[in-house]
Amino acid sequence: MLQDYLPIVFLGIFAVLFAAINLGLTHLLGPKRPNRVKLSVYESGVKPIGDARQRFTIRFDLIAMLFIIFDIEVVFLYPWAVIFKKMSQSDGLFILIEMLVFIGILFLGYIYAWKKGGLTWD
């Protein structure tokens, strides 16, 4: 049983070694001529204005967390949708109600975040 996974393990080891060797060789053999233009920040061809180390609002983190929560919902919905047709002959109603409860709880969480102002951008 474990021998079935040996090619995958070898492929993973080969990929990591290949990437590490390429990065190491690039670092060792690549040209090292830093100058002012190469060390400057490049942002779509626009010259940077101000300090790059300024604080940003916590809204970015909140939006990212909400995105992750509602994006993970798809991870649970996809397998359910795949097996729903097979299971509909025996336990179809139970599985449907179970998923509707799951979506309802997520919808309540979405409304809660909306009412608390988590989705507004100030």
PDB file of N, CA and C in Angstrom:
ATOM      1  N   MET A   1       0.824  -1.195   0.000  1.00  0.00           N
ATOM      2  CA  MET A   1       0.000   0.000   0.000  1.00  0.00           C
ATOM      3  C   MET A   1       0.866   1.257   0.000  1.00  0.00           C
ATOM      4  N   LEU A   2       1.893   1.246   0.843  1.00  0.00           N
ATOM      5  CA  LEU A   2       2.774   2.405   0.931  1.00  0.00           C
ATOM      6  C   LEU A   2       3.619   2.548  -0.325  1.00  0.00           C
ATOM      7  N   GLN A   3       3.869   1.438  -1.004  1.00  0.00           N
ATOM      8  CA  GLN A   3       4.669   1.484  -2.229  1.00  0.00           C
ATOM      9  C   GLN A   3       3.941   2.200  -3.362  1.00  0.00           C
ATOM     10  N   ASP A   4       2.629   2.283  -3.285  1.00  0.00           N
ATOM     11  CA  ASP A   4       1.869   2.992  -4.313  1.00  0.00           C
ATOM     12  C   ASP A   4       2.158   4.490  -4.287  1.00  0.00           C
ATOM     13  N   TYR A   5       2.520   5.016  -3.134  1.00  0.00           N
ATOM     14  CA  TYR A   5       2.778   6.449  -2.990  1.00  0.00           C
ATOM     15  C   TYR A   5       4.242   6.817  -3.215  1.00  0.00           C
ATOM     16  N   LEU A   6       5.095   5.843  -3.427  1.00  0.00           N
ATOM     17  CA  LEU A   6       6.518   6.117  -3.619  1.00  0.00           C
ATOM     18  C   LEU A   6       6.806   7.023  -4.815  1.00  0.00           C
ATOM     19  N   PRO A   7       6.172   6.839  -5.972  1.00  0.00           N
ATOM     20  CA  PRO A   7       6.441   7.772  -7.081  1.00  0.00           C
ATOM     21  C   PRO A   7       6.058   9.215  -6.751  1.00  0.00           C
ATOM     22  N   ILE A   8       4.999   9.395  -5.995  1.00  0.00           N
ATOM     23  CA  ILE A   8       4.584  10.751  -5.614  1.00  0.00           C
ATOM     24  C   ILE A   8       5.604  11.367  -4.666  1.00  0.00           C
ATOM     25  N   VAL A   9       6.112  10.576  -3.740  1.00  0.00           N
ATOM     26  CA  VAL A   9       7.131  11.078  -2.808  1.00  0.00           C
ATOM     27  C   VAL A   9       8.397  11.450  -3.568  1.00  0.00           C
ATOM     28  N   PHE A  10       8.812  10.586  -4.491  1.00  0.00           N
ATOM     29  CA  PHE A  10      10.008  10.894  -5.289  1.00  0.00           C
ATOM     30  C   PHE A  10       9.803  12.144  -6.143  1.00  0.00           C
ATOM     31  N   LEU A  11       8.628  12.303  -6.702  1.00  0.00           N
ATOM     32  CA  LEU A  11       8.332  13.495  -7.493  1.00  0.00           C
ATOM     33  C   LEU A  11       8.393  14.753  -6.630  1.00  0.00           C
ATOM     34  N   GLY A  12       7.859  14.680  -5.412  1.00  0.00           N
ATOM     35  CA  GLY A  12       7.925  15.827  -4.505  1.00  0.00           C
ATOM     36  C   GLY A  12       9.349  16.171  -4.117  1.00  0.00           C
ATOM     37  N   ILE A  13      10.134  15.149  -3.794  1.00  0.00           N
ATOM     38  CA  ILE A  13      11.539  15.385  -3.437  1.00  0.00           C
ATOM     39  C   ILE A  13      12.295  15.970  -4.620  1.00  0.00           C
ATOM     40  N   PHE A  14      12.056  15.433  -5.813  1.00  0.00           N
ATOM     41  CA  PHE A  14      12.717  15.950  -7.007  1.00  0.00           C
ATOM     42  C   PHE A  14      12.331  17.405  -7.263  1.00  0.00           C
ATOM     43  N   ALA A  15      11.068  17.746  -7.095  1.00  0.00           N
ATOM     44  CA  ALA A  15      10.616  19.120  -7.337  1.00  0.00           C
ATOM     45  C   ALA A  15      11.259  20.092  -6.358  1.00  0.00           C
ATOM     46  N   VAL A  16      11.331  19.717  -5.084  1.00  0.00           N
ATOM     47  CA  VAL A  16      11.945  20.591  -4.077  1.00  0.00           C
ATOM     48  C   VAL A  16      13.435  20.752  -4.351  1.00  0.00           C
ATOM     49  N   LEU A  17      14.119  19.650  -4.650  1.00  0.00           N
ATOM     50  CA  LEU A  17      15.552  19.732  -4.949  1.00  0.00           C
ATOM     51  C   LEU A  17      15.822  20.545  -6.213  1.00  0.00           C
ATOM     52  N   PHE A  18      15.020  20.346  -7.227  1.00  0.00           N
ATOM     53  CA  PHE A  18      15.194  21.091  -8.473  1.00  0.00           C
ATOM     54  C   PHE A  18      15.026  22.593  -8.242  1.00  0.00           C
ATOM     55  N   ALA A  19      14.001  22.966  -7.494  1.00  0.00           N
ATOM     56  CA  ALA A  19      13.780  24.386  -7.204  1.00  0.00           C
ATOM     57  C   ALA A  19      14.910  24.955  -6.356  1.00  0.00           C
ATOM     58  N   ALA A  20      15.346  24.212  -5.338  1.00  0.00           N
ATOM     59  CA  ALA A  20      16.424  24.697  -4.471  1.00  0.00           C
ATOM     60  C   ALA A  20      17.734  24.850  -5.243  1.00  0.00           C
ATOM     61  N   ILE A  21      18.043  23.892  -6.093  1.00  0.00           N
ATOM     62  CA  ILE A  21      19.284  23.976  -6.882  1.00  0.00           C
ATOM     63  C   ILE A  21      19.226  25.161  -7.839  1.00  0.00           C
ATOM     64  N   ASN A  22      18.098  25.363  -8.502  1.00  0.00           N
ATOM     65  CA  ASN A  22      17.977  26.498  -9.420  1.00  0.00           C
ATOM     66  C   ASN A  22      18.085  27.830  -8.687  1.00  0.00           C
ATOM     67  N   LEU A  23      17.448  27.948  -7.539  1.00  0.00           N
ATOM     68  CA  LEU A  23      17.553  29.190  -6.769  1.00  0.00           C
ATOM     69  C   LEU A  23      18.975  29.421  -6.283  1.00  0.00           C
ATOM     70  N   GLY A  24      19.615  28.367  -5.824  1.00  0.00           N
ATOM     71  CA  GLY A  24      20.995  28.498  -5.354  1.00  0.00           C
ATOM     72  C   GLY A  24      21.951  28.891  -6.463  1.00  0.00           C
ATOM     73  N   LEU A  25      21.823  28.247  -7.618  1.00  0.00           N
ATOM     74  CA  LEU A  25      22.693  28.588  -8.747  1.00  0.00           C
ATOM     75  C   LEU A  25      22.447  30.013  -9.241  1.00  0.00           C
ATOM     76  N   THR A  26      21.216  30.436  -9.264  1.00  0.00           N
ATOM     77  CA  THR A  26      20.918  31.804  -9.674  1.00  0.00           C
ATOM     78  C   THR A  26      21.531  32.802  -8.706  1.00  0.00           C
ATOM     79  N   HIS A  27      21.460  32.499  -7.440  1.00  0.00           N
ATOM     80  CA  HIS A  27      22.036  33.393  -6.433  1.00  0.00           C
ATOM     81  C   HIS A  27      23.564  33.428  -6.528  1.00  0.00           C
ATOM     82  N   LEU A  28      24.171  32.279  -6.762  1.00  0.00           N
ATOM     83  CA  LEU A  28      25.634  32.223  -6.829  1.00  0.00           C
ATOM     84  C   LEU A  28      26.198  32.770  -8.140  1.00  0.00           C
ATOM     85  N   LEU A  29      25.569  32.452  -9.248  1.00  0.00           N
ATOM     86  CA  LEU A  29      26.127  32.795 -10.548  1.00  0.00           C
ATOM     87  C   LEU A  29      25.572  34.088 -11.150  1.00  0.00           C
ATOM     88  N   GLY A  30      24.509  34.611 -10.591  1.00  0.00           N
ATOM     89  CA  GLY A  30      23.887  35.808 -11.151  1.00  0.00           C
ATOM     90  C   GLY A  30      24.711  37.060 -10.915  1.00  0.00           C
ATOM     91  N   PRO A  31      24.536  38.085 -11.782  1.00  0.00           N
ATOM     92  CA  PRO A  31      25.292  39.329 -11.620  1.00  0.00           C
ATOM     93  C   PRO A  31      24.832  40.095 -10.382  1.00  0.00           C
ATOM     94  N   LYS A  32      25.800  40.716  -9.724  1.00  0.00           N
ATOM     95  CA  LYS A  32      25.505  41.484  -8.515  1.00  0.00           C
ATOM     96  C   LYS A  32      26.013  42.904  -8.722  1.00  0.00           C
ATOM     97  N   ARG A  33      25.221  43.712  -9.390  1.00  0.00           N
ATOM     98  CA  ARG A  33      25.588  45.107  -9.631  1.00  0.00           C
ATOM     99  C   ARG A  33      24.448  46.012  -9.181  1.00  0.00           C
ATOM    100  N   PRO A  34      24.248  46.150  -7.879  1.00  0.00           N
ATOM    101  CA  PRO A  34      23.145  47.004  -7.424  1.00  0.00           C
ATOM    102  C   PRO A  34      23.433  48.477  -7.715  1.00  0.00           C
ATOM    103  N   ASN A  35      22.427  49.185  -8.145  1.00  0.00           N
ATOM    104  CA  ASN A  35      22.528  50.626  -8.308  1.00  0.00           C
ATOM    105  C   ASN A  35      21.204  51.256  -7.882  1.00  0.00           C
ATOM    106  N   ARG A  36      21.106  52.548  -7.990  1.00  0.00           N
ATOM    107  CA  ARG A  36      19.937  53.258  -7.479  1.00  0.00           C
ATOM    108  C   ARG A  36      18.659  52.850  -8.216  1.00  0.00           C
ATOM    109  N   VAL A  37      18.741  52.663  -9.502  1.00  0.00           N
ATOM    110  CA  VAL A  37      17.558  52.310 -10.284  1.00  0.00           C
ATOM    111  C   VAL A  37      17.086  50.895  -9.943  1.00  0.00           C
ATOM    112  N   LYS A  38      18.011  49.964  -9.791  1.00  0.00           N
ATOM    113  CA  LYS A  38      17.633  48.588  -9.483  1.00  0.00           C
ATOM    114  C   LYS A  38      17.065  48.447  -8.074  1.00  0.00           C
ATOM    115  N   LEU A  39      17.507  49.269  -7.151  1.00  0.00           N
ATOM    116  CA  LEU A  39      17.038  49.176  -5.776  1.00  0.00           C
ATOM    117  C   LEU A  39      15.768  49.989  -5.528  1.00  0.00           C
ATOM    118  N   SER A  40      15.320  50.752  -6.503  1.00  0.00           N
ATOM    119  CA  SER A  40      14.106  51.552  -6.308  1.00  0.00           C
ATOM    120  C   SER A  40      12.869  50.665  -6.440  1.00  0.00           C
ATOM    121  N   VAL A  41      11.790  51.120  -5.845  1.00  0.00           N
ATOM    122  CA  VAL A  41      10.536  50.379  -5.872  1.00  0.00           C
ATOM    123  C   VAL A  41       9.864  50.597  -7.224  1.00  0.00           C
ATOM    124  N   TYR A  42       9.375  49.519  -7.819  1.00  0.00           N
ATOM    125  CA  TYR A  42       8.679  49.624  -9.106  1.00  0.00           C
ATOM    126  C   TYR A  42       7.205  49.337  -8.871  1.00  0.00           C
ATOM    127  N   GLU A  43       6.364  50.283  -9.219  1.00  0.00           N
ATOM    128  CA  GLU A  43       4.929  50.108  -9.051  1.00  0.00           C
ATOM    129  C   GLU A  43       4.235  50.570 -10.325  1.00  0.00           C
ATOM    130  N   SER A  44       4.093  49.712 -11.269  1.00  0.00           N
ATOM    131  CA  SER A  44       3.389  49.977 -12.525  1.00  0.00           C
ATOM    132  C   SER A  44       3.964  51.158 -13.287  1.00  0.00           C
ATOM    133  N   GLY A  45       5.230  51.414 -13.167  1.00  0.00           N
ATOM    134  CA  GLY A  45       5.863  52.502 -13.890  1.00  0.00           C
ATOM    135  C   GLY A  45       5.698  53.863 -13.256  1.00  0.00           C
ATOM    136  N   VAL A  46       5.008  53.934 -12.125  1.00  0.00           N
ATOM    137  CA  VAL A  46       4.779  55.208 -11.441  1.00  0.00           C
ATOM    138  C   VAL A  46       5.842  55.379 -10.371  1.00  0.00           C
ATOM    139  N   LYS A  47       6.415  56.559 -10.296  1.00  0.00           N
ATOM    140  CA  LYS A  47       7.417  56.806  -9.263  1.00  0.00           C
ATOM    141  C   LYS A  47       6.741  56.822  -7.898  1.00  0.00           C
ATOM    142  N   PRO A  48       7.338  56.148  -6.914  1.00  0.00           N
ATOM    143  CA  PRO A  48       6.717  56.091  -5.591  1.00  0.00           C
ATOM    144  C   PRO A  48       6.725  57.452  -4.903  1.00  0.00           C
ATOM    145  N   ILE A  49       5.644  57.735  -4.202  1.00  0.00           N
ATOM    146  CA  ILE A  49       5.509  58.977  -3.443  1.00  0.00           C
ATOM    147  C   ILE A  49       5.282  58.596  -1.991  1.00  0.00           C
ATOM    148  N   GLY A  50       6.047  59.156  -1.103  1.00  0.00           N
ATOM    149  CA  GLY A  50       5.863  58.896   0.316  1.00  0.00           C
ATOM    150  C   GLY A  50       6.581  57.645   0.777  1.00  0.00           C
ATOM    151  N   ASP A  51       6.266  57.265   1.994  1.00  0.00           N
ATOM    152  CA  ASP A  51       6.910  56.118   2.622  1.00  0.00           C
ATOM    153  C   ASP A  51       6.125  54.850   2.317  1.00  0.00           C
ATOM    154  N   ALA A  52       6.814  53.782   2.015  1.00  0.00           N
ATOM    155  CA  ALA A  52       6.152  52.510   1.727  1.00  0.00           C
ATOM    156  C   ALA A  52       5.754  51.779   2.999  1.00  0.00           C
ATOM    157  N   ARG A  53       6.203  52.236   4.134  1.00  0.00           N
ATOM    158  CA  ARG A  53       5.931  51.555   5.393  1.00  0.00           C
ATOM    159  C   ARG A  53       4.831  52.250   6.187  1.00  0.00           C
ATOM    160  N   GLN A  54       3.776  52.663   5.536  1.00  0.00           N
ATOM    161  CA  GLN A  54       2.695  53.313   6.263  1.00  0.00           C
ATOM    162  C   GLN A  54       1.666  52.282   6.704  1.00  0.00           C
ATOM    163  N   ARG A  55       0.940  52.614   7.724  1.00  0.00           N
ATOM    164  CA  ARG A  55      -0.067  51.698   8.259  1.00  0.00           C
ATOM    165  C   ARG A  55      -1.315  51.725   7.381  1.00  0.00           C
ATOM    166  N   PHE A  56      -1.981  50.598   7.332  1.00  0.00           N
ATOM    167  CA  PHE A  56      -3.255  50.561   6.629  1.00  0.00           C
ATOM    168  C   PHE A  56      -4.317  50.069   7.594  1.00  0.00           C
ATOM    169  N   THR A  57      -5.560  50.329   7.259  1.00  0.00           N
ATOM    170  CA  THR A  57      -6.648  50.030   8.181  1.00  0.00           C
ATOM    171  C   THR A  57      -6.824  48.529   8.359  1.00  0.00           C
ATOM    172  N   ILE A  58      -7.472  48.181   9.428  1.00  0.00           N
ATOM    173  CA  ILE A  58      -7.716  46.783   9.753  1.00  0.00           C
ATOM    174  C   ILE A  58      -8.799  46.190   8.852  1.00  0.00           C
ATOM    175  N   ARG A  59      -9.466  47.020   8.074  1.00  0.00           N
ATOM    176  CA  ARG A  59     -10.515  46.543   7.170  1.00  0.00           C
ATOM    177  C   ARG A  59      -9.980  45.499   6.178  1.00  0.00           C
ATOM    178  N   PHE A  60      -8.739  45.650   5.777  1.00  0.00           N
ATOM    179  CA  PHE A  60      -8.164  44.664   4.855  1.00  0.00           C
ATOM    180  C   PHE A  60      -8.189  43.275   5.488  1.00  0.00           C
ATOM    181  N   ASP A  61      -7.817  43.193   6.747  1.00  0.00           N
ATOM    182  CA  ASP A  61      -7.810  41.901   7.429  1.00  0.00           C
ATOM    183  C   ASP A  61      -9.222  41.352   7.588  1.00  0.00           C
ATOM    184  N   LEU A  62     -10.158  42.220   7.930  1.00  0.00           N
ATOM    185  CA  LEU A  62     -11.535  41.783   8.126  1.00  0.00           C
ATOM    186  C   LEU A  62     -12.146  41.268   6.826  1.00  0.00           C
ATOM    187  N   ILE A  63     -11.938  42.006   5.756  1.00  0.00           N
ATOM    188  CA  ILE A  63     -12.456  41.568   4.454  1.00  0.00           C
ATOM    189  C   ILE A  63     -11.800  40.249   4.041  1.00  0.00           C
ATOM    190  N   ALA A  64     -10.509  40.106   4.293  1.00  0.00           N
ATOM    191  CA  ALA A  64      -9.812  38.865   3.939  1.00  0.00           C
ATOM    192  C   ALA A  64     -10.359  37.685   4.738  1.00  0.00           C
ATOM    193  N   MET A  65     -10.602  37.883   6.031  1.00  0.00           N
ATOM    194  CA  MET A  65     -11.147  36.792   6.847  1.00  0.00           C
ATOM    195  C   MET A  65     -12.556  36.416   6.395  1.00  0.00           C
ATOM    196  N   LEU A  66     -13.383  37.416   6.094  1.00  0.00           N
ATOM    197  CA  LEU A  66     -14.730  37.114   5.611  1.00  0.00           C
ATOM    198  C   LEU A  66     -14.679  36.388   4.270  1.00  0.00           C
ATOM    199  N   PHE A  67     -13.765  36.794   3.413  1.00  0.00           N
ATOM    200  CA  PHE A  67     -13.619  36.109   2.127  1.00  0.00           C
ATOM    201  C   PHE A  67     -13.232  34.649   2.339  1.00  0.00           C
ATOM    202  N   ILE A  68     -12.298  34.397   3.231  1.00  0.00           N
ATOM    203  CA  ILE A  68     -11.863  33.019   3.475  1.00  0.00           C
ATOM    204  C   ILE A  68     -13.009  32.186   4.026  1.00  0.00           C
ATOM    205  N   ILE A  69     -13.764  32.754   4.965  1.00  0.00           N
ATOM    206  CA  ILE A  69     -14.878  32.006   5.553  1.00  0.00           C
ATOM    207  C   ILE A  69     -15.904  31.640   4.493  1.00  0.00           C
ATOM    208  N   PHE A  70     -16.293  32.619   3.667  1.00  0.00           N
ATOM    209  CA  PHE A  70     -17.321  32.337   2.670  1.00  0.00           C
ATOM    210  C   PHE A  70     -16.762  31.611   1.453  1.00  0.00           C
ATOM    211  N   ASP A  71     -15.467  31.609   1.284  1.00  0.00           N
ATOM    212  CA  ASP A  71     -14.860  30.849   0.204  1.00  0.00           C
ATOM    213  C   ASP A  71     -14.749  29.375   0.588  1.00  0.00           C
ATOM    214  N   ILE A  72     -14.525  29.109   1.848  1.00  0.00           N
ATOM    215  CA  ILE A  72     -14.449  27.723   2.318  1.00  0.00           C
ATOM    216  C   ILE A  72     -15.810  27.044   2.210  1.00  0.00           C
ATOM    217  N   GLU A  73     -16.856  27.834   2.182  1.00  0.00           N
ATOM    218  CA  GLU A  73     -18.194  27.283   1.994  1.00  0.00           C
ATOM    219  C   GLU A  73     -18.256  26.455   0.712  1.00  0.00           C
ATOM    220  N   VAL A  74     -17.597  26.894  -0.323  1.00  0.00           N
ATOM    221  CA  VAL A  74     -17.601  26.174  -1.599  1.00  0.00           C
ATOM    222  C   VAL A  74     -16.932  24.812  -1.447  1.00  0.00           C
ATOM    223  N   VAL A  75     -15.939  24.724  -0.584  1.00  0.00           N
ATOM    224  CA  VAL A  75     -15.255  23.445  -0.356  1.00  0.00           C
ATOM    225  C   VAL A  75     -16.233  22.414   0.194  1.00  0.00           C
ATOM    226  N   PHE A  76     -17.198  22.865   0.985  1.00  0.00           N
ATOM    227  CA  PHE A  76     -18.193  21.942   1.520  1.00  0.00           C
ATOM    228  C   PHE A  76     -19.363  21.736   0.559  1.00  0.00           C
ATOM    229  N   LEU A  77     -19.676  22.730  -0.254  1.00  0.00           N
ATOM    230  CA  LEU A  77     -20.806  22.598  -1.169  1.00  0.00           C
ATOM    231  C   LEU A  77     -20.500  21.690  -2.360  1.00  0.00           C
ATOM    232  N   TYR A  78     -19.291  21.724  -2.852  1.00  0.00           N
ATOM    233  CA  TYR A  78     -18.967  20.951  -4.056  1.00  0.00           C
ATOM    234  C   TYR A  78     -19.115  19.433  -3.846  1.00  0.00           C
ATOM    235  N   PRO A  79     -18.515  18.846  -2.811  1.00  0.00           N
ATOM    236  CA  PRO A  79     -18.703  17.392  -2.630  1.00  0.00           C
ATOM    237  C   PRO A  79     -20.164  17.026  -2.369  1.00  0.00           C
ATOM    238  N   TRP A  80     -20.872  17.915  -1.673  1.00  0.00           N
ATOM    239  CA  TRP A  80     -22.285  17.652  -1.428  1.00  0.00           C
ATOM    240  C   TRP A  80     -23.047  17.592  -2.747  1.00  0.00           C
ATOM    241  N   ALA A  81     -22.764  18.522  -3.648  1.00  0.00           N
ATOM    242  CA  ALA A  81     -23.455  18.543  -4.934  1.00  0.00           C
ATOM    243  C   ALA A  81     -23.110  17.314  -5.769  1.00  0.00           C
ATOM    244  N   VAL A  82     -21.903  16.826  -5.642  1.00  0.00           N
ATOM    245  CA  VAL A  82     -21.486  15.656  -6.422  1.00  0.00           C
ATOM    246  C   VAL A  82     -22.208  14.398  -5.953  1.00  0.00           C
ATOM    247  N   ILE A  83     -22.351  14.213  -4.649  1.00  0.00           N
ATOM    248  CA  ILE A  83     -22.967  12.978  -4.149  1.00  0.00           C
ATOM    249  C   ILE A  83     -24.472  13.092  -3.958  1.00  0.00           C
ATOM    250  N   PHE A  84     -25.029  14.297  -4.133  1.00  0.00           N
ATOM    251  CA  PHE A  84     -26.458  14.459  -3.859  1.00  0.00           C
ATOM    252  C   PHE A  84     -27.315  13.598  -4.778  1.00  0.00           C
ATOM    253  N   LYS A  85     -26.972  13.521  -6.053  1.00  0.00           N
ATOM    254  CA  LYS A  85     -27.780  12.735  -6.988  1.00  0.00           C
ATOM    255  C   LYS A  85     -27.750  11.249  -6.637  1.00  0.00           C
ATOM    256  N   LYS A  86     -26.585  10.753  -6.217  1.00  0.00           N
ATOM    257  CA  LYS A  86     -26.485   9.338  -5.846  1.00  0.00           C
ATOM    258  C   LYS A  86     -27.274   9.046  -4.569  1.00  0.00           C
ATOM    259  N   MET A  87     -27.236   9.983  -3.638  1.00  0.00           N
ATOM    260  CA  MET A  87     -27.875   9.762  -2.345  1.00  0.00           C
ATOM    261  C   MET A  87     -29.355  10.142  -2.348  1.00  0.00           C
ATOM    262  N   SER A  88     -29.844  10.747  -3.418  1.00  0.00           N
ATOM    263  CA  SER A  88     -31.222  11.230  -3.412  1.00  0.00           C
ATOM    264  C   SER A  88     -32.239  10.090  -3.368  1.00  0.00           C
ATOM    265  N   GLN A  89     -31.859   8.885  -3.782  1.00  0.00           N
ATOM    266  CA  GLN A  89     -32.802   7.771  -3.729  1.00  0.00           C
ATOM    267  C   GLN A  89     -33.060   7.328  -2.290  1.00  0.00           C
ATOM    268  N   SER A  90     -32.042   7.381  -1.436  1.00  0.00           N
ATOM    269  CA  SER A  90     -32.222   6.860  -0.080  1.00  0.00           C
ATOM    270  C   SER A  90     -32.399   7.973   0.954  1.00  0.00           C
ATOM    271  N   ASP A  91     -31.443   8.862   1.064  1.00  0.00           N
ATOM    272  CA  ASP A  91     -31.477   9.891   2.103  1.00  0.00           C
ATOM    273  C   ASP A  91     -31.507  11.293   1.509  1.00  0.00           C
ATOM    274  N   GLY A  92     -32.162  11.466   0.389  1.00  0.00           N
ATOM    275  CA  GLY A  92     -32.125  12.735  -0.323  1.00  0.00           C
ATOM    276  C   GLY A  92     -32.680  13.902   0.470  1.00  0.00           C
ATOM    277  N   LEU A  93     -33.823  13.710   1.121  1.00  0.00           N
ATOM    278  CA  LEU A  93     -34.448  14.807   1.863  1.00  0.00           C
ATOM    279  C   LEU A  93     -33.605  15.211   3.063  1.00  0.00           C
ATOM    280  N   PHE A  94     -33.060  14.236   3.760  1.00  0.00           N
ATOM    281  CA  PHE A  94     -32.215  14.547   4.919  1.00  0.00           C
ATOM    282  C   PHE A  94     -30.974  15.336   4.511  1.00  0.00           C
ATOM    283  N   ILE A  95     -30.326  14.916   3.430  1.00  0.00           N
ATOM    284  CA  ILE A  95     -29.115  15.601   2.967  1.00  0.00           C
ATOM    285  C   ILE A  95     -29.451  17.006   2.484  1.00  0.00           C
ATOM    286  N   LEU A  96     -30.592  17.162   1.813  1.00  0.00           N
ATOM    287  CA  LEU A  96     -31.005  18.487   1.352  1.00  0.00           C
ATOM    288  C   LEU A  96     -31.265  19.419   2.531  1.00  0.00           C
ATOM    289  N   ILE A  97     -31.975  18.945   3.538  1.00  0.00           N
ATOM    290  CA  ILE A  97     -32.257  19.769   4.720  1.00  0.00           C
ATOM    291  C   ILE A  97     -30.967  20.098   5.459  1.00  0.00           C
ATOM    292  N   GLU A  98     -30.076  19.133   5.558  1.00  0.00           N
ATOM    293  CA  GLU A  98     -28.795  19.373   6.221  1.00  0.00           C
ATOM    294  C   GLU A  98     -28.013  20.488   5.520  1.00  0.00           C
ATOM    295  N   MET A  99     -27.975  20.477   4.195  1.00  0.00           N
ATOM    296  CA  MET A  99     -27.249  21.514   3.466  1.00  0.00           C
ATOM    297  C   MET A  99     -27.976  22.847   3.532  1.00  0.00           C
ATOM    298  N   LEU A 100     -29.296  22.842   3.544  1.00  0.00           N
ATOM    299  CA  LEU A 100     -30.033  24.101   3.685  1.00  0.00           C
ATOM    300  C   LEU A 100     -29.785  24.734   5.051  1.00  0.00           C
ATOM    301  N   VAL A 101     -29.666  23.919   6.089  1.00  0.00           N
ATOM    302  CA  VAL A 101     -29.321  24.449   7.416  1.00  0.00           C
ATOM    303  C   VAL A 101     -27.919  25.049   7.391  1.00  0.00           C
ATOM    304  N   PHE A 102     -26.983  24.378   6.741  1.00  0.00           N
ATOM    305  CA  PHE A 102     -25.613  24.886   6.625  1.00  0.00           C
ATOM    306  C   PHE A 102     -25.587  26.226   5.896  1.00  0.00           C
ATOM    307  N   ILE A 103     -26.292  26.316   4.773  1.00  0.00           N
ATOM    308  CA  ILE A 103     -26.337  27.570   4.017  1.00  0.00           C
ATOM    309  C   ILE A 103     -27.057  28.646   4.817  1.00  0.00           C
ATOM    310  N   GLY A 104     -28.092  28.266   5.558  1.00  0.00           N
ATOM    311  CA  GLY A 104     -28.802  29.235   6.398  1.00  0.00           C
ATOM    312  C   GLY A 104     -27.910  29.821   7.481  1.00  0.00           C
ATOM    313  N   ILE A 105     -27.105  28.986   8.115  1.00  0.00           N
ATOM    314  CA  ILE A 105     -26.178  29.478   9.147  1.00  0.00           C
ATOM    315  C   ILE A 105     -25.149  30.410   8.524  1.00  0.00           C
ATOM    316  N   LEU A 106     -24.638  30.063   7.358  1.00  0.00           N
ATOM    317  CA  LEU A 106     -23.699  30.956   6.671  1.00  0.00           C
ATOM    318  C   LEU A 106     -24.364  32.267   6.277  1.00  0.00           C
ATOM    319  N   PHE A 107     -25.608  32.208   5.853  1.00  0.00           N
ATOM    320  CA  PHE A 107     -26.334  33.423   5.491  1.00  0.00           C
ATOM    321  C   PHE A 107     -26.555  34.303   6.717  1.00  0.00           C
ATOM    322  N   LEU A 108     -26.848  33.704   7.855  1.00  0.00           N
ATOM    323  CA  LEU A 108     -26.981  34.485   9.094  1.00  0.00           C
ATOM    324  C   LEU A 108     -25.656  35.150   9.462  1.00  0.00           C
ATOM    325  N   GLY A 109     -24.557  34.445   9.269  1.00  0.00           N
ATOM    326  CA  GLY A 109     -23.243  35.041   9.511  1.00  0.00           C
ATOM    327  C   GLY A 109     -22.962  36.193   8.572  1.00  0.00           C
ATOM    328  N   TYR A 110     -23.390  36.060   7.325  1.00  0.00           N
ATOM    329  CA  TYR A 110     -23.216  37.133   6.347  1.00  0.00           C
ATOM    330  C   TYR A 110     -24.033  38.363   6.751  1.00  0.00           C
ATOM    331  N   ILE A 111     -25.273  38.149   7.159  1.00  0.00           N
ATOM    332  CA  ILE A 111     -26.118  39.270   7.595  1.00  0.00           C
ATOM    333  C   ILE A 111     -25.540  39.915   8.846  1.00  0.00           C
ATOM    334  N   TYR A 112     -25.034  39.118   9.776  1.00  0.00           N
ATOM    335  CA  TYR A 112     -24.419  39.665  10.993  1.00  0.00           C
ATOM    336  C   TYR A 112     -23.220  40.546  10.644  1.00  0.00           C
ATOM    337  N   ALA A 113     -22.363  40.068   9.744  1.00  0.00           N
ATOM    338  CA  ALA A 113     -21.200  40.868   9.335  1.00  0.00           C
ATOM    339  C   ALA A 113     -21.642  42.140   8.624  1.00  0.00           C
ATOM    340  N   TRP A 114     -22.705  42.058   7.861  1.00  0.00           N
ATOM    341  CA  TRP A 114     -23.217  43.226   7.148  1.00  0.00           C
ATOM    342  C   TRP A 114     -23.776  44.248   8.122  1.00  0.00           C
ATOM    343  N   LYS A 115     -24.562  43.790   9.103  1.00  0.00           N
ATOM    344  CA  LYS A 115     -25.164  44.703  10.087  1.00  0.00           C
ATOM    345  C   LYS A 115     -24.116  45.343  10.989  1.00  0.00           C
ATOM    346  N   LYS A 116     -23.048  44.627  11.290  1.00  0.00           N
ATOM    347  CA  LYS A 116     -21.984  45.179  12.137  1.00  0.00           C
ATOM    348  C   LYS A 116     -21.064  46.121  11.366  1.00  0.00           C
ATOM    349  N   GLY A 117     -21.256  46.243  10.062  1.00  0.00           N
ATOM    350  CA  GLY A 117     -20.439  47.146   9.265  1.00  0.00           C
ATOM    351  C   GLY A 117     -19.154  46.529   8.767  1.00  0.00           C
ATOM    352  N   GLY A 118     -19.076  45.229   8.769  1.00  0.00           N
ATOM    353  CA  GLY A 118     -17.857  44.569   8.319  1.00  0.00           C
ATOM    354  C   GLY A 118     -17.648  44.623   6.823  1.00  0.00           C
ATOM    355  N   LEU A 119     -18.707  44.909   6.074  1.00  0.00           N
ATOM    356  CA  LEU A 119     -18.597  44.941   4.622  1.00  0.00           C
ATOM    357  C   LEU A 119     -18.579  46.358   4.062  1.00  0.00           C
ATOM    358  N   THR A 120     -18.654  47.354   4.932  1.00  0.00           N
ATOM    359  CA  THR A 120     -18.599  48.743   4.457  1.00  0.00           C
ATOM    360  C   THR A 120     -17.156  49.204   4.412  1.00  0.00           C
ATOM    361  N   TRP A 121     -16.863  50.015   3.432  1.00  0.00           N
ATOM    362  CA  TRP A 121     -15.505  50.517   3.246  1.00  0.00           C
ATOM    363  C   TRP A 121     -15.505  52.009   3.513  1.00  0.00           C
ATOM    364  N   ASP A 122     -14.842  52.412   4.576  1.00  0.00           N
ATOM    365  CA  ASP A 122     -14.808  53.839   4.938  1.00  0.00           C
ATOM    366  C   ASP A 122     -13.563  54.501   4.456  1.00  0.00           C
TER     367      ASP A 122
END
